[in-house]
C-alpha atoms as a PDB file:
ATOM      1  CA  MET A   1      -5.845  -7.432  13.418  1.00  0.00           C
ATOM      2  CA  ASP A   2      -4.142 -10.701  12.584  1.00  0.00           C
ATOM      3  CA  ASP A   3      -0.947 -11.033  10.526  1.00  0.00           C
ATOM      4  CA  LYS A   4      -2.725 -12.406   7.456  1.00  0.00           C
ATOM      5  CA  THR A   5      -5.164  -9.502   7.284  1.00  0.00           C
ATOM      6  CA  ARG A   6      -2.347  -7.015   7.871  1.00  0.00           C
ATOM      7  CA  GLU A   7      -0.314  -8.447   4.990  1.00  0.00           C
ATOM      8  CA  LEU A   8      -3.270  -8.502   2.590  1.00  0.00           C
ATOM      9  CA  ILE A   9      -3.922  -4.832   3.343  1.00  0.00           C
ATOM     10  CA  ALA A  10      -0.222  -4.026   2.931  1.00  0.00           C
ATOM     11  CA  ILE A  11      -0.163  -5.796  -0.439  1.00  0.00           C
ATOM     12  CA  GLY A  12      -3.100  -3.767  -1.736  1.00  0.00           C
ATOM     13  CA  ALA A  13      -1.580  -0.553  -0.378  1.00  0.00           C
ATOM     14  CA  SER A  14       1.780  -1.378  -1.983  1.00  0.00           C
ATOM     15  CA  VAL A  15       0.117  -1.781  -5.369  1.00  0.00           C
ATOM     16  CA  GLY A  16      -1.838   1.452  -4.935  1.00  0.00           C
ATOM     17  CA  ALA A  17       1.343   3.291  -3.910  1.00  0.00           C
ATOM     18  CA  HIS A  18       3.334   1.826  -6.827  1.00  0.00           C
ATOM     19  CA  CYS A  19       5.973   0.645  -4.353  1.00  0.00           C
ATOM     20  CA  GLN A  20       7.682  -2.363  -5.886  1.00  0.00           C
ATOM     21  CA  PRO A  21      10.055  -3.044  -2.960  1.00  0.00           C
ATOM     22  CA  CYS A  22       7.069  -2.838  -0.599  1.00  0.00           C
ATOM     23  CA  LEU A  23       5.080  -5.296  -2.699  1.00  0.00           C
ATOM     24  CA  ARG A  24       7.983  -7.767  -2.847  1.00  0.00           C
ATOM     25  CA  TYR A  25       8.436  -7.562   0.932  1.00  0.00           C
ATOM     26  CA  HIS A  26       4.737  -7.981   1.742  1.00  0.00           C
ATOM     27  CA  VAL A  27       4.192 -10.833  -0.749  1.00  0.00           C
ATOM     28  CA  ASN A  28       7.088 -12.701   0.857  1.00  0.00           C
ATOM     29  CA  LYS A  29       5.783 -11.912   4.345  1.00  0.00           C
ATOM     30  CA  ALA A  30       2.272 -13.031   3.311  1.00  0.00           C
ATOM     31  CA  ARG A  31       3.637 -16.382   2.215  1.00  0.00           C
ATOM     32  CA  GLU A  32       5.537 -16.691   5.507  1.00  0.00           C
ATOM     33  CA  VAL A  33       2.320 -16.220   7.505  1.00  0.00           C
ATOM     34  CA  GLY A  34       0.576 -18.884   5.413  1.00  0.00           C
ATOM     35  CA  LEU A  35      -1.413 -16.965   2.819  1.00  0.00           C
ATOM     36  CA  THR A  36      -2.041 -18.724  -0.471  1.00  0.00           C
ATOM     37  CA  ASP A  37      -1.015 -17.300  -3.814  1.00  0.00           C
ATOM     38  CA  ASP A  38      -4.712 -17.037  -4.691  1.00  0.00           C
ATOM     39  CA  ALA A  39      -5.336 -14.796  -1.664  1.00  0.00           C
ATOM     40  CA  ILE A  40      -2.273 -12.716  -2.541  1.00  0.00           C
ATOM     41  CA  ARG A  41      -3.432 -12.346  -6.152  1.00  0.00           C
ATOM     42  CA  GLU A  42      -6.826 -11.204  -4.915  1.00  0.00           C
ATOM     43  CA  ALA A  43      -5.213  -8.527  -2.724  1.00  0.00           C
ATOM     44  CA  ILE A  44      -3.141  -7.379  -5.703  1.00  0.00           C
ATOM     45  CA  ALA A  45      -6.303  -7.183  -7.824  1.00  0.00           C
ATOM     46  CA  VAL A  46      -8.025  -5.082  -5.160  1.00  0.00           C
ATOM     47  CA  GLY A  47      -5.006  -2.757  -5.097  1.00  0.00           C
ATOM     48  CA  HIS A  48      -5.280  -2.358  -8.873  1.00  0.00           C
ATOM     49  CA  MET A  49      -9.000  -1.573  -8.593  1.00  0.00           C
ATOM     50  CA  VAL A  50      -8.261   1.174  -6.065  1.00  0.00           C
ATOM     51  CA  GLU A  51      -5.452   2.442  -8.268  1.00  0.00           C
ATOM     52  CA  ARG A  52      -7.724   2.636 -11.330  1.00  0.00           C
ATOM     53  CA  GLY A  53     -10.413   4.425  -9.342  1.00  0.00           C
ATOM     54  CA  ALA A  54      -7.923   6.966  -8.043  1.00  0.00           C
ATOM     55  CA  MET A  55      -6.474   7.551 -11.525  1.00  0.00           C
ATOM     56  CA  SER A  56      -9.923   8.082 -12.976  1.00  0.00           C
ATOM     57  CA  ALA A  57     -10.918  10.453 -10.191  1.00  0.00           C
ATOM     58  CA  MET A  58      -7.680  12.437 -10.585  1.00  0.00           C
ATOM     59  CA  ARG A  59      -8.149  12.665 -14.343  1.00  0.00           C
ATOM     60  CA  GLU A  60     -11.659  14.065 -13.877  1.00  0.00           C
ATOM     61  CA  PHE A  61     -10.521  16.390 -11.090  1.00  0.00           C
ATOM     62  CA  SER A  62      -7.642  17.822 -13.120  1.00  0.00           C
ATOM     63  CA  GLU A  63      -9.847  18.357 -16.172  1.00  0.00           C
ATOM     64  CA  GLU A  64     -12.483  20.144 -14.101  1.00  0.00           C
ATOM     65  CA  LEU A  65      -9.829  22.192 -12.316  1.00  0.00           C
ATOM     66  CA  MET A  66      -8.457  23.465 -15.585  1.00  0.00           C
ATOM     67  CA  LYS A  67     -11.946  24.324 -16.876  1.00  0.00           C
ATOM     68  CA  ALA A  68     -12.878  26.164 -13.686  1.00  0.00           C
ATOM     69  CA  SER A  69      -9.625  28.010 -13.046  1.00  0.00           C
ATOM     70  CA  PRO A  70      -8.161  29.887 -16.020  1.00  0.00           C
ATOM     71  CA  ARG A  71      -5.672  31.517 -13.628  1.00  0.00           C
ATOM     72  CA  ALA A  72      -4.092  28.115 -12.960  1.00  0.00           C
ATOM     73  CA  GLN A  73      -2.951  28.077 -16.592  1.00  0.00           C
ATOM     74  CA  GLN A  74      -1.003  31.337 -16.295  1.00  0.00           C
ATOM     75  CA  PRO A  75       2.598  31.600 -15.066  1.00  0.00           C
ATOM     76  CA  GLY A  76       2.576  32.722 -11.462  1.00  0.00           C
ATOM     77  CA  GLY A  77      -1.056  31.570 -11.040  1.00  0.00           C
ATOM     78  CA  GLU A  78      -2.351  29.278  -8.328  1.00  0.00           C
ATOM     79  CA  ARG A  79       0.192  26.781  -7.097  1.00  0.00           C
ATOM     80  CA  GLY A  80      -0.416  23.603  -5.141  1.00  0.00           C
ATOM     81  CA  ALA A  81       1.762  21.469  -2.929  1.00  0.00           C
END
């Protein structure tokens, strides 16, 4: 994998992980390896799309979990990590 591709992936992952220091680092690194601001913006947009998809999926999952598992609502019920 070349440096440009690596940095674009890292930018999207930084957005999805909500890691501001990571995003700052990888945007700067992307510019150093010659990526344009348009390419960087596109990677950021892709990260936001993944983020929105994950938020939507988690919202649906948590709603379904609470419908399907009344025990999870009780103190001392099921506990996750």
